[in-house]
């Protein structure tokens, strides 16, 4: 099963968009994927958090049970933003 959420800051309030941008700026640099071979629970979610800002792109991939603590506020902000973004960003669709 695949779920996808897309959040466009152009469709957010300026305050919410700035908060999301701040969280992205303070997120740790993406690391090489290290947990691919150690997946112990096949029924758990695996996330890829991708950020695009013009030509700049970065992505973090991690298992649900190993969400990096430093990324947790960003992940939570994306889910909150998706809840208010409308049906195209519904995390239950896709």
N, C-alpha and C. Protein backbone atom coordinates (compact mmCIF):
# COMPACT_ATOMS: atom_id res chain seq x y z
N UNK A 1 0.84 -1.16 0.00
CA UNK A 1 0.00 0.00 0.00
C UNK A 1 0.90 1.24 0.00
N UNK A 2 0.54 2.21 -0.80
CA UNK A 2 1.31 3.43 -0.88
C UNK A 2 0.40 4.62 -0.56
N UNK A 3 0.88 5.49 0.29
CA UNK A 3 0.17 6.74 0.61
C UNK A 3 1.09 7.88 0.26
N UNK A 4 0.51 8.93 -0.24
CA UNK A 4 1.32 10.08 -0.61
C UNK A 4 0.62 11.35 -0.17
N UNK A 5 1.40 12.25 0.38
CA UNK A 5 0.90 13.55 0.81
C UNK A 5 1.77 14.60 0.15
N UNK A 6 1.14 15.59 -0.46
CA UNK A 6 1.88 16.70 -1.03
C UNK A 6 1.36 17.98 -0.40
N UNK A 7 2.30 18.81 0.02
CA UNK A 7 1.96 20.09 0.63
C UNK A 7 2.67 21.18 -0.15
N UNK A 8 1.92 22.14 -0.63
CA UNK A 8 2.48 23.27 -1.37
C UNK A 8 2.34 24.50 -0.49
N UNK A 9 3.46 25.10 -0.11
CA UNK A 9 3.41 26.25 0.79
C UNK A 9 2.71 27.44 0.15
N UNK A 10 2.58 27.46 -1.17
CA UNK A 10 1.87 28.55 -1.84
C UNK A 10 0.39 28.55 -1.47
N UNK A 11 -0.11 27.41 -0.98
CA UNK A 11 -1.52 27.29 -0.62
C UNK A 11 -1.73 27.32 0.89
N UNK A 12 -0.72 27.74 1.63
CA UNK A 12 -0.80 27.82 3.08
C UNK A 12 -0.83 29.27 3.51
N UNK A 13 -1.22 29.49 4.75
CA UNK A 13 -1.14 30.84 5.29
C UNK A 13 0.35 31.21 5.37
N UNK A 14 0.68 32.49 5.29
CA UNK A 14 2.09 32.88 5.39
C UNK A 14 2.75 32.38 6.68
N UNK A 15 2.04 32.42 7.77
CA UNK A 15 2.61 31.96 9.04
C UNK A 15 2.92 30.46 9.01
N UNK A 16 1.97 29.66 8.50
CA UNK A 16 2.18 28.22 8.43
C UNK A 16 3.30 27.87 7.44
N UNK A 17 3.35 28.58 6.33
CA UNK A 17 4.39 28.34 5.33
C UNK A 17 5.77 28.67 5.90
N UNK A 18 5.87 29.74 6.65
CA UNK A 18 7.16 30.12 7.25
C UNK A 18 7.59 29.10 8.30
N UNK A 19 6.64 28.60 9.08
CA UNK A 19 6.96 27.59 10.09
C UNK A 19 7.49 26.32 9.42
N UNK A 20 6.84 25.91 8.35
CA UNK A 20 7.31 24.72 7.62
C UNK A 20 8.69 24.96 7.02
N UNK A 21 8.91 26.13 6.46
CA UNK A 21 10.23 26.47 5.90
C UNK A 21 11.30 26.48 6.99
N UNK A 22 10.96 26.97 8.17
CA UNK A 22 11.90 26.99 9.29
C UNK A 22 12.28 25.57 9.69
N UNK A 23 11.30 24.68 9.75
CA UNK A 23 11.57 23.29 10.11
C UNK A 23 12.46 22.61 9.07
N UNK A 24 12.24 22.92 7.81
CA UNK A 24 13.09 22.36 6.75
C UNK A 24 14.52 22.87 6.89
N UNK A 25 14.67 24.17 7.15
CA UNK A 25 16.02 24.75 7.29
C UNK A 25 16.77 24.12 8.45
N UNK A 26 16.07 23.74 9.51
CA UNK A 26 16.71 23.19 10.70
C UNK A 26 16.77 21.66 10.71
N UNK A 27 16.27 21.03 9.67
CA UNK A 27 16.32 19.57 9.59
C UNK A 27 17.75 19.13 9.32
N UNK A 28 18.12 17.98 9.84
CA UNK A 28 19.48 17.49 9.58
C UNK A 28 19.64 17.13 8.11
N UNK A 29 20.86 17.17 7.64
CA UNK A 29 21.13 16.79 6.26
C UNK A 29 20.75 15.33 6.06
N UNK A 30 20.16 15.01 4.91
CA UNK A 30 19.83 13.60 4.65
C UNK A 30 21.08 12.74 4.68
N UNK A 31 20.95 11.56 5.26
CA UNK A 31 22.05 10.61 5.35
C UNK A 31 21.81 9.46 4.38
N UNK A 32 22.86 8.77 4.04
CA UNK A 32 22.71 7.58 3.22
C UNK A 32 21.83 6.59 3.96
N UNK A 33 20.98 5.93 3.22
CA UNK A 33 20.05 4.99 3.83
C UNK A 33 20.81 3.83 4.46
N UNK A 34 20.54 3.57 5.74
CA UNK A 34 21.27 2.53 6.44
C UNK A 34 20.38 1.40 6.93
N UNK A 35 19.06 1.60 6.92
CA UNK A 35 18.20 0.59 7.53
C UNK A 35 17.56 -0.35 6.52
N UNK A 36 17.88 -0.25 5.24
CA UNK A 36 17.23 -1.09 4.23
C UNK A 36 17.43 -2.57 4.51
N UNK A 37 18.60 -2.95 4.95
CA UNK A 37 18.85 -4.36 5.20
C UNK A 37 18.40 -4.83 6.56
N UNK A 38 18.01 -3.93 7.43
CA UNK A 38 17.65 -4.33 8.79
C UNK A 38 16.16 -4.22 9.07
N UNK A 39 15.36 -4.25 8.04
CA UNK A 39 13.92 -4.16 8.22
C UNK A 39 13.40 -5.41 8.90
N UNK A 40 12.92 -5.28 10.11
CA UNK A 40 12.47 -6.44 10.85
C UNK A 40 10.97 -6.60 10.88
N UNK A 41 10.21 -5.59 10.49
CA UNK A 41 8.75 -5.65 10.56
C UNK A 41 8.17 -5.23 9.21
N UNK A 42 7.87 -6.20 8.35
CA UNK A 42 7.41 -5.87 7.01
C UNK A 42 6.05 -5.15 6.98
N UNK A 43 5.29 -5.21 8.06
CA UNK A 43 3.99 -4.55 8.07
C UNK A 43 4.06 -3.13 8.62
N UNK A 44 5.25 -2.61 8.84
CA UNK A 44 5.42 -1.24 9.33
C UNK A 44 5.58 -0.29 8.15
N UNK A 45 5.29 0.97 8.37
CA UNK A 45 5.43 1.96 7.31
C UNK A 45 6.88 2.37 7.12
N UNK A 46 7.19 2.74 5.91
CA UNK A 46 8.50 3.28 5.55
C UNK A 46 8.21 4.61 4.87
N UNK A 47 8.86 5.65 5.33
CA UNK A 47 8.59 7.00 4.85
C UNK A 47 9.73 7.56 4.01
N UNK A 48 9.37 8.33 3.02
CA UNK A 48 10.31 9.18 2.31
C UNK A 48 9.75 10.58 2.39
N UNK A 49 10.47 11.46 3.01
CA UNK A 49 10.09 12.86 3.15
C UNK A 49 10.95 13.64 2.16
N UNK A 50 10.32 14.16 1.12
CA UNK A 50 11.05 14.88 0.07
C UNK A 50 10.65 16.35 0.10
N UNK A 51 11.63 17.21 -0.05
CA UNK A 51 11.40 18.65 -0.06
C UNK A 51 11.97 19.21 -1.36
N UNK A 52 11.15 19.97 -2.05
CA UNK A 52 11.58 20.64 -3.27
C UNK A 52 11.39 22.14 -3.09
N UNK A 53 12.43 22.88 -3.37
CA UNK A 53 12.39 24.34 -3.30
C UNK A 53 13.08 24.86 -4.55
N UNK A 54 12.28 25.11 -5.56
CA UNK A 54 12.87 25.50 -6.84
C UNK A 54 13.69 24.35 -7.39
N UNK A 55 14.94 24.60 -7.63
CA UNK A 55 15.85 23.58 -8.16
C UNK A 55 16.45 22.71 -7.06
N UNK A 56 16.33 23.12 -5.81
CA UNK A 56 16.91 22.35 -4.71
C UNK A 56 15.95 21.26 -4.26
N UNK A 57 16.50 20.06 -4.11
CA UNK A 57 15.71 18.92 -3.66
C UNK A 57 16.51 18.13 -2.65
N UNK A 58 15.83 17.62 -1.63
CA UNK A 58 16.47 16.70 -0.70
C UNK A 58 15.40 15.74 -0.19
N UNK A 59 15.84 14.59 0.31
CA UNK A 59 14.89 13.59 0.78
C UNK A 59 15.50 12.78 1.92
N UNK A 60 14.65 12.39 2.84
CA UNK A 60 15.03 11.54 3.95
C UNK A 60 14.16 10.28 3.86
N UNK A 61 14.74 9.12 4.04
CA UNK A 61 13.98 7.86 4.04
C UNK A 61 14.26 7.16 5.36
N UNK A 62 13.18 6.71 6.01
CA UNK A 62 13.34 6.08 7.31
C UNK A 62 12.15 5.19 7.60
N UNK A 63 12.37 4.22 8.47
CA UNK A 63 11.30 3.32 8.91
C UNK A 63 10.47 4.01 9.98
N UNK A 64 9.21 3.64 10.04
CA UNK A 64 8.27 4.23 11.00
C UNK A 64 8.81 4.18 12.43
N UNK A 65 9.34 3.04 12.81
CA UNK A 65 9.80 2.89 14.19
C UNK A 65 11.15 3.54 14.43
N UNK A 66 11.77 4.05 13.36
CA UNK A 66 13.08 4.69 13.49
C UNK A 66 13.05 6.12 12.96
N UNK A 67 11.94 6.81 13.17
CA UNK A 67 11.85 8.20 12.74
C UNK A 67 12.92 9.01 13.49
N UNK A 68 13.82 9.66 12.75
CA UNK A 68 14.85 10.45 13.43
C UNK A 68 14.20 11.55 14.30
N UNK A 69 14.62 11.63 15.52
CA UNK A 69 14.04 12.60 16.45
C UNK A 69 14.10 14.02 15.90
N UNK A 70 15.18 14.35 15.22
CA UNK A 70 15.35 15.70 14.68
C UNK A 70 14.37 15.99 13.54
N UNK A 71 13.82 14.94 12.90
CA UNK A 71 12.86 15.13 11.81
C UNK A 71 11.41 15.10 12.28
N UNK A 72 11.18 14.61 13.48
CA UNK A 72 9.81 14.44 13.97
C UNK A 72 8.96 15.72 13.88
N UNK A 73 9.46 16.90 14.28
CA UNK A 73 8.63 18.11 14.15
C UNK A 73 8.26 18.43 12.69
N UNK A 74 9.17 18.17 11.76
CA UNK A 74 8.89 18.41 10.35
C UNK A 74 7.84 17.43 9.83
N UNK A 75 7.98 16.16 10.18
CA UNK A 75 7.00 15.15 9.76
C UNK A 75 5.62 15.51 10.29
N UNK A 76 5.54 15.87 11.55
CA UNK A 76 4.25 16.23 12.15
C UNK A 76 3.66 17.47 11.49
N UNK A 77 4.49 18.45 11.16
CA UNK A 77 4.00 19.67 10.49
C UNK A 77 3.46 19.35 9.10
N UNK A 78 4.11 18.45 8.39
CA UNK A 78 3.62 18.07 7.05
C UNK A 78 2.27 17.39 7.17
N UNK A 79 2.12 16.47 8.12
CA UNK A 79 0.82 15.81 8.30
C UNK A 79 -0.27 16.81 8.68
N UNK A 80 0.06 17.77 9.56
CA UNK A 80 -0.93 18.79 9.94
C UNK A 80 -1.33 19.62 8.72
N UNK A 81 -0.35 20.04 7.93
CA UNK A 81 -0.62 20.84 6.74
C UNK A 81 -1.47 20.07 5.75
N UNK A 82 -1.21 18.79 5.61
CA UNK A 82 -1.97 17.97 4.66
C UNK A 82 -3.43 17.85 5.07
N UNK A 83 -3.71 17.86 6.35
CA UNK A 83 -5.09 17.75 6.84
C UNK A 83 -5.93 18.94 6.40
N UNK A 84 -5.29 20.09 6.20
CA UNK A 84 -6.01 21.30 5.84
C UNK A 84 -5.87 21.66 4.37
N UNK A 85 -5.17 20.82 3.61
CA UNK A 85 -4.87 21.16 2.22
C UNK A 85 -5.95 20.73 1.24
N UNK A 86 -6.89 19.93 1.65
CA UNK A 86 -7.94 19.51 0.73
C UNK A 86 -7.80 18.06 0.32
N UNK A 87 -8.74 17.58 -0.51
CA UNK A 87 -8.80 16.17 -0.85
C UNK A 87 -7.59 15.65 -1.63
N UNK A 88 -6.90 16.50 -2.39
CA UNK A 88 -5.75 16.04 -3.15
C UNK A 88 -4.58 15.69 -2.25
N UNK A 89 -4.59 16.19 -1.03
CA UNK A 89 -3.47 15.93 -0.11
C UNK A 89 -3.90 15.02 1.04
N UNK A 90 -5.04 14.39 0.92
CA UNK A 90 -5.53 13.52 1.96
C UNK A 90 -4.59 12.33 2.11
N UNK A 91 -4.00 12.14 3.30
CA UNK A 91 -3.06 11.03 3.47
C UNK A 91 -3.71 9.66 3.32
N UNK A 92 -5.02 9.58 3.34
CA UNK A 92 -5.70 8.30 3.18
C UNK A 92 -5.96 7.99 1.71
N UNK A 93 -5.86 8.98 0.83
CA UNK A 93 -6.03 8.71 -0.60
C UNK A 93 -4.69 8.40 -1.20
N UNK A 94 -4.66 7.83 -2.36
CA UNK A 94 -3.44 7.50 -3.12
C UNK A 94 -3.05 6.10 -2.95
